Amino acid sequence: MAADLASTPSTGIRVQCCGDAHLSNFGGFATPERRIVFSINDLDETLPAPWEWDVKRLAASFVVAPGTTTSATPRPGRRPRPASAPTRVDAEFSEMKTLELWYYAIGRR
């Protein structure tokens, strides 16, 4: 994946990428406080890289998932849909401090 994405555009903001961000590597988990949080569950391929790489990998998994993880067959000529406009939640998340975002719980709002 890194070799494929190395020449694609990026903002230059580097993070510790999951490196394997796809639908099957996300899930809900119980915390010691008995809250459910949504997070990545596979970090064995983590690496410093542009943050867009994980987003691109995740988006690709959405495109191929219907044809590989279910019995549904993708329509001929099916193309990925363009990214949606930022939502209210995106705006809230962008203003949160790191720990606030880390501890954000599913169903809290």
N, C-alpha and C. Protein backbone atom coordinates (compact mmCIF):
# COMPACT_ATOMS: atom_id res chain seq x y z
N MET A 1 0.83 -1.17 0.00
CA MET A 1 0.00 0.00 0.00
C MET A 1 0.88 1.25 0.00
N ALA A 2 1.90 1.27 0.83
CA ALA A 2 2.78 2.44 0.91
C ALA A 2 3.41 2.74 -0.44
N ALA A 3 3.85 1.72 -1.15
CA ALA A 3 4.46 1.93 -2.46
C ALA A 3 3.44 2.52 -3.44
N ASP A 4 2.20 2.04 -3.37
CA ASP A 4 1.16 2.55 -4.28
C ASP A 4 0.79 3.99 -3.97
N LEU A 5 0.77 4.36 -2.70
CA LEU A 5 0.30 5.69 -2.32
C LEU A 5 1.41 6.74 -2.19
N ALA A 6 2.66 6.33 -2.23
CA ALA A 6 3.78 7.26 -2.02
C ALA A 6 3.78 8.42 -3.01
N SER A 7 3.31 8.20 -4.22
CA SER A 7 3.34 9.27 -5.23
C SER A 7 2.02 10.03 -5.34
N THR A 8 1.05 9.72 -4.47
CA THR A 8 -0.24 10.43 -4.52
C THR A 8 -0.16 11.73 -3.74
N PRO A 9 -1.03 12.69 -4.04
CA PRO A 9 -1.01 13.97 -3.33
C PRO A 9 -1.30 13.80 -1.84
N SER A 10 -0.66 14.66 -1.04
CA SER A 10 -0.94 14.68 0.41
C SER A 10 -0.68 16.08 0.94
N THR A 11 -1.21 16.34 2.13
CA THR A 11 -1.04 17.65 2.76
C THR A 11 0.32 17.81 3.40
N GLY A 12 1.05 16.71 3.58
CA GLY A 12 2.35 16.76 4.25
C GLY A 12 2.24 16.55 5.74
N ILE A 13 1.02 16.41 6.24
CA ILE A 13 0.83 16.15 7.67
C ILE A 13 1.00 14.65 7.89
N ARG A 14 2.01 14.30 8.68
CA ARG A 14 2.31 12.88 8.92
C ARG A 14 1.80 12.47 10.30
N VAL A 15 1.31 11.25 10.35
CA VAL A 15 0.80 10.67 11.60
C VAL A 15 1.31 9.23 11.69
N GLN A 16 1.01 8.57 12.77
CA GLN A 16 1.30 7.15 12.87
C GLN A 16 0.10 6.42 12.29
N CYS A 17 0.18 6.06 11.02
CA CYS A 17 -0.94 5.42 10.30
C CYS A 17 -1.16 4.00 10.80
N CYS A 18 -2.39 3.58 10.70
CA CYS A 18 -2.74 2.19 10.98
C CYS A 18 -2.02 1.30 9.97
N GLY A 19 -1.99 1.72 8.72
CA GLY A 19 -1.34 0.95 7.69
C GLY A 19 -2.20 -0.16 7.11
N ASP A 20 -3.32 -0.44 7.74
CA ASP A 20 -4.20 -1.51 7.28
C ASP A 20 -5.65 -1.11 7.58
N ALA A 21 -5.98 0.14 7.30
CA ALA A 21 -7.31 0.67 7.62
C ALA A 21 -8.33 0.18 6.60
N HIS A 22 -9.08 -0.85 6.96
CA HIS A 22 -10.18 -1.30 6.11
C HIS A 22 -11.33 -1.72 7.02
N LEU A 23 -12.48 -1.92 6.42
CA LEU A 23 -13.71 -2.17 7.18
C LEU A 23 -13.57 -3.23 8.26
N SER A 24 -12.88 -4.30 7.98
CA SER A 24 -12.79 -5.40 8.93
C SER A 24 -11.89 -5.09 10.12
N ASN A 25 -11.12 -4.02 10.03
CA ASN A 25 -10.20 -3.68 11.12
C ASN A 25 -10.73 -2.58 12.03
N PHE A 26 -12.03 -2.38 12.05
CA PHE A 26 -12.65 -1.43 12.96
C PHE A 26 -13.72 -2.14 13.75
N GLY A 27 -13.99 -1.64 14.95
CA GLY A 27 -15.05 -2.27 15.73
C GLY A 27 -15.30 -1.53 17.03
N GLY A 28 -16.32 -1.98 17.75
CA GLY A 28 -16.65 -1.41 19.05
C GLY A 28 -15.99 -2.23 20.15
N PHE A 29 -15.52 -1.54 21.18
CA PHE A 29 -14.83 -2.18 22.28
C PHE A 29 -15.33 -1.65 23.60
N ALA A 30 -15.35 -2.49 24.61
CA ALA A 30 -15.75 -2.08 25.96
C ALA A 30 -14.53 -1.53 26.70
N THR A 31 -14.73 -0.41 27.39
CA THR A 31 -13.66 0.17 28.21
C THR A 31 -13.82 -0.32 29.65
N PRO A 32 -12.81 -0.09 30.49
CA PRO A 32 -12.96 -0.46 31.89
C PRO A 32 -14.13 0.25 32.57
N GLU A 33 -14.53 1.40 32.02
CA GLU A 33 -15.67 2.15 32.57
C GLU A 33 -17.00 1.64 32.03
N ARG A 34 -16.98 0.55 31.30
CA ARG A 34 -18.18 -0.08 30.72
C ARG A 34 -18.84 0.78 29.65
N ARG A 35 -18.03 1.49 28.90
CA ARG A 35 -18.51 2.27 27.78
C ARG A 35 -18.04 1.59 26.51
N ILE A 36 -18.77 1.80 25.44
CA ILE A 36 -18.38 1.24 24.15
C ILE A 36 -17.73 2.35 23.32
N VAL A 37 -16.54 2.09 22.81
CA VAL A 37 -15.85 3.04 21.94
C VAL A 37 -15.60 2.35 20.60
N PHE A 38 -15.52 3.14 19.56
CA PHE A 38 -15.26 2.65 18.21
C PHE A 38 -13.81 2.95 17.88
N SER A 39 -13.06 1.95 17.45
CA SER A 39 -11.64 2.17 17.19
C SER A 39 -11.10 1.14 16.20
N ILE A 40 -9.84 1.31 15.85
CA ILE A 40 -9.12 0.37 15.01
C ILE A 40 -8.73 -0.82 15.87
N ASN A 41 -8.85 -2.03 15.34
CA ASN A 41 -8.50 -3.21 16.13
C ASN A 41 -7.30 -3.97 15.57
N ASP A 42 -6.59 -3.40 14.61
CA ASP A 42 -5.44 -4.08 14.03
C ASP A 42 -4.35 -3.05 13.75
N LEU A 43 -3.33 -3.04 14.56
CA LEU A 43 -2.26 -2.04 14.41
C LEU A 43 -0.91 -2.70 14.14
N ASP A 44 -0.89 -3.89 13.58
CA ASP A 44 0.38 -4.58 13.37
C ASP A 44 1.16 -4.07 12.17
N GLU A 45 0.58 -3.20 11.37
CA GLU A 45 1.28 -2.66 10.20
C GLU A 45 1.43 -1.15 10.28
N THR A 46 1.44 -0.61 11.48
CA THR A 46 1.51 0.83 11.69
C THR A 46 2.84 1.41 11.20
N LEU A 47 2.79 2.64 10.67
CA LEU A 47 3.98 3.30 10.17
C LEU A 47 3.77 4.81 10.10
N PRO A 48 4.83 5.61 10.23
CA PRO A 48 4.68 7.06 10.04
C PRO A 48 4.42 7.34 8.56
N ALA A 49 3.33 8.04 8.27
CA ALA A 49 2.95 8.30 6.88
C ALA A 49 1.93 9.44 6.84
N PRO A 50 1.63 9.96 5.65
CA PRO A 50 0.58 10.98 5.54
C PRO A 50 -0.77 10.40 6.00
N TRP A 51 -1.54 11.20 6.71
CA TRP A 51 -2.81 10.73 7.27
C TRP A 51 -3.79 10.29 6.17
N GLU A 52 -3.63 10.87 4.98
CA GLU A 52 -4.53 10.52 3.88
C GLU A 52 -4.42 9.05 3.48
N TRP A 53 -3.30 8.41 3.73
CA TRP A 53 -3.14 7.01 3.32
C TRP A 53 -4.17 6.12 3.98
N ASP A 54 -4.39 6.29 5.27
CA ASP A 54 -5.40 5.47 5.95
C ASP A 54 -6.79 5.77 5.41
N VAL A 55 -7.07 7.04 5.12
CA VAL A 55 -8.39 7.40 4.59
C VAL A 55 -8.59 6.78 3.21
N LYS A 56 -7.58 6.83 2.38
CA LYS A 56 -7.67 6.24 1.04
C LYS A 56 -7.85 4.72 1.12
N ARG A 57 -7.13 4.08 2.03
CA ARG A 57 -7.24 2.63 2.19
C ARG A 57 -8.64 2.26 2.67
N LEU A 58 -9.16 3.04 3.62
CA LEU A 58 -10.50 2.78 4.13
C LEU A 58 -11.55 2.99 3.03
N ALA A 59 -11.40 4.07 2.27
CA ALA A 59 -12.35 4.34 1.18
C ALA A 59 -12.32 3.21 0.15
N ALA A 60 -11.15 2.71 -0.18
CA ALA A 60 -11.05 1.60 -1.13
C ALA A 60 -11.76 0.36 -0.61
N SER A 61 -11.69 0.13 0.70
CA SER A 61 -12.36 -1.05 1.26
C SER A 61 -13.88 -0.92 1.17
N PHE A 62 -14.39 0.30 1.24
CA PHE A 62 -15.84 0.51 1.06
C PHE A 62 -16.25 0.19 -0.37
N VAL A 63 -15.40 0.52 -1.32
CA VAL A 63 -15.71 0.29 -2.73
C VAL A 63 -15.74 -1.20 -3.05
N VAL A 64 -14.77 -1.96 -2.55
CA VAL A 64 -14.69 -3.37 -2.91
C VAL A 64 -15.49 -4.27 -1.98
N ALA A 65 -15.90 -3.81 -0.82
CA ALA A 65 -16.58 -4.65 0.17
C ALA A 65 -17.81 -5.37 -0.37
N PRO A 66 -18.72 -4.71 -1.07
CA PRO A 66 -19.92 -5.43 -1.51
C PRO A 66 -19.63 -6.64 -2.38
N GLY A 67 -18.57 -6.63 -3.15
CA GLY A 67 -18.26 -7.74 -4.02
C GLY A 67 -17.42 -8.83 -3.37
N THR A 68 -16.84 -8.54 -2.19
CA THR A 68 -15.95 -9.52 -1.59
C THR A 68 -16.42 -10.04 -0.24
N THR A 69 -17.19 -9.27 0.48
CA THR A 69 -17.57 -9.70 1.82
C THR A 69 -19.02 -10.12 1.93
N THR A 70 -19.79 -9.96 0.86
CA THR A 70 -21.19 -10.38 0.87
C THR A 70 -21.48 -11.12 -0.43
N SER A 71 -22.67 -11.63 -0.52
CA SER A 71 -23.03 -12.32 -1.76
C SER A 71 -23.48 -11.35 -2.84
N ALA A 72 -23.58 -10.08 -2.51
CA ALA A 72 -24.01 -9.09 -3.50
C ALA A 72 -22.95 -8.93 -4.59
N THR A 73 -23.39 -8.69 -5.80
CA THR A 73 -22.49 -8.48 -6.92
C THR A 73 -22.53 -7.01 -7.29
N PRO A 74 -21.35 -6.34 -7.36
CA PRO A 74 -21.36 -4.92 -7.75
C PRO A 74 -21.93 -4.75 -9.15
N ARG A 75 -22.62 -3.64 -9.37
CA ARG A 75 -23.15 -3.33 -10.69
C ARG A 75 -21.99 -3.06 -11.65
N PRO A 76 -22.14 -3.44 -12.92
CA PRO A 76 -21.08 -3.15 -13.90
C PRO A 76 -20.86 -1.65 -13.98
N GLY A 77 -19.62 -1.24 -14.08
CA GLY A 77 -19.30 0.17 -14.20
C GLY A 77 -19.46 0.96 -12.91
N ARG A 78 -19.62 0.26 -11.79
CA ARG A 78 -19.80 0.94 -10.49
C ARG A 78 -18.55 1.73 -10.14
N ARG A 79 -18.74 2.96 -9.76
CA ARG A 79 -17.62 3.83 -9.39
C ARG A 79 -17.80 4.32 -7.96
N PRO A 80 -16.69 4.62 -7.29
CA PRO A 80 -16.82 5.18 -5.94
C PRO A 80 -17.54 6.53 -5.99
N ARG A 81 -18.31 6.80 -4.99
CA ARG A 81 -18.98 8.10 -4.90
C ARG A 81 -18.00 9.13 -4.36
N PRO A 82 -18.15 10.39 -4.76
CA PRO A 82 -17.26 11.43 -4.21
C PRO A 82 -17.50 11.58 -2.71
N ALA A 83 -16.48 12.04 -2.03
CA ALA A 83 -16.59 12.24 -0.58
C ALA A 83 -17.72 13.22 -0.28
N SER A 84 -18.42 12.97 0.80
CA SER A 84 -19.53 13.84 1.17
C SER A 84 -19.01 15.11 1.83
N ALA A 85 -19.86 16.10 1.91
CA ALA A 85 -19.49 17.35 2.56
C ALA A 85 -19.29 17.10 4.05
N PRO A 86 -18.44 17.90 4.70
CA PRO A 86 -18.24 17.73 6.14
C PRO A 86 -19.57 17.86 6.89
N THR A 87 -19.73 17.08 7.92
CA THR A 87 -20.96 17.08 8.71
C THR A 87 -20.76 17.87 9.99
N ARG A 88 -21.85 18.03 10.73
CA ARG A 88 -21.80 18.70 12.03
C ARG A 88 -20.84 17.96 12.96
N VAL A 89 -20.88 16.63 12.91
CA VAL A 89 -19.99 15.83 13.77
C VAL A 89 -18.53 16.05 13.38
N ASP A 90 -18.24 16.14 12.07
CA ASP A 90 -16.87 16.42 11.64
C ASP A 90 -16.39 17.74 12.24
N ALA A 91 -17.25 18.74 12.22
CA ALA A 91 -16.88 20.04 12.77
C ALA A 91 -16.63 19.95 14.28
N GLU A 92 -17.49 19.21 14.99
CA GLU A 92 -17.29 19.03 16.43
C GLU A 92 -15.98 18.31 16.71
N PHE A 93 -15.71 17.25 15.98
CA PHE A 93 -14.47 16.49 16.18
C PHE A 93 -13.25 17.35 15.91
N SER A 94 -13.32 18.21 14.91
CA SER A 94 -12.16 19.03 14.56
C SER A 94 -11.81 20.03 15.66
N GLU A 95 -12.77 20.35 16.52
CA GLU A 95 -12.52 21.30 17.59
C GLU A 95 -12.17 20.63 18.92
N MET A 96 -12.27 19.31 18.98
CA MET A 96 -11.99 18.59 20.23
C MET A 96 -10.49 18.49 20.48
N LYS A 97 -10.13 18.46 21.75
CA LYS A 97 -8.75 18.20 22.14
C LYS A 97 -8.51 16.70 21.94
N THR A 98 -7.25 16.32 21.85
CA THR A 98 -6.90 14.93 21.55
C THR A 98 -7.55 13.95 22.51
N LEU A 99 -7.47 14.18 23.81
CA LEU A 99 -8.06 13.24 24.77
C LEU A 99 -9.58 13.22 24.71
N GLU A 100 -10.20 14.36 24.43
CA GLU A 100 -11.65 14.38 24.28
C GLU A 100 -12.08 13.48 23.13
N LEU A 101 -11.36 13.57 22.02
CA LEU A 101 -11.66 12.74 20.86
C LEU A 101 -11.36 11.28 21.15
N TRP A 102 -10.27 11.03 21.85
CA TRP A 102 -9.88 9.65 22.20
C TRP A 102 -10.97 8.97 23.02
N TYR A 103 -11.57 9.70 23.96
CA TYR A 103 -12.56 9.11 24.85
C TYR A 103 -14.01 9.30 24.38
N TYR A 104 -14.20 9.84 23.18
CA TYR A 104 -15.54 10.00 22.66
C TYR A 104 -16.21 8.63 22.54
N ALA A 105 -17.39 8.49 23.08
CA ALA A 105 -18.05 7.19 23.10
C ALA A 105 -19.19 7.13 22.10
N ILE A 106 -19.39 5.98 21.52
CA ILE A 106 -20.51 5.76 20.61
C ILE A 106 -21.83 5.95 21.38
N GLY A 107 -22.76 6.65 20.77
CA GLY A 107 -24.08 6.83 21.39
C GLY A 107 -24.08 7.85 22.50
N ARG A 108 -23.00 8.57 22.69
CA ARG A 108 -22.94 9.55 23.77
C ARG A 108 -23.82 10.76 23.48
N ARG A 109 -23.96 11.08 22.21
CA ARG A 109 -24.74 12.28 21.87
C ARG A 109 -26.00 11.91 21.17
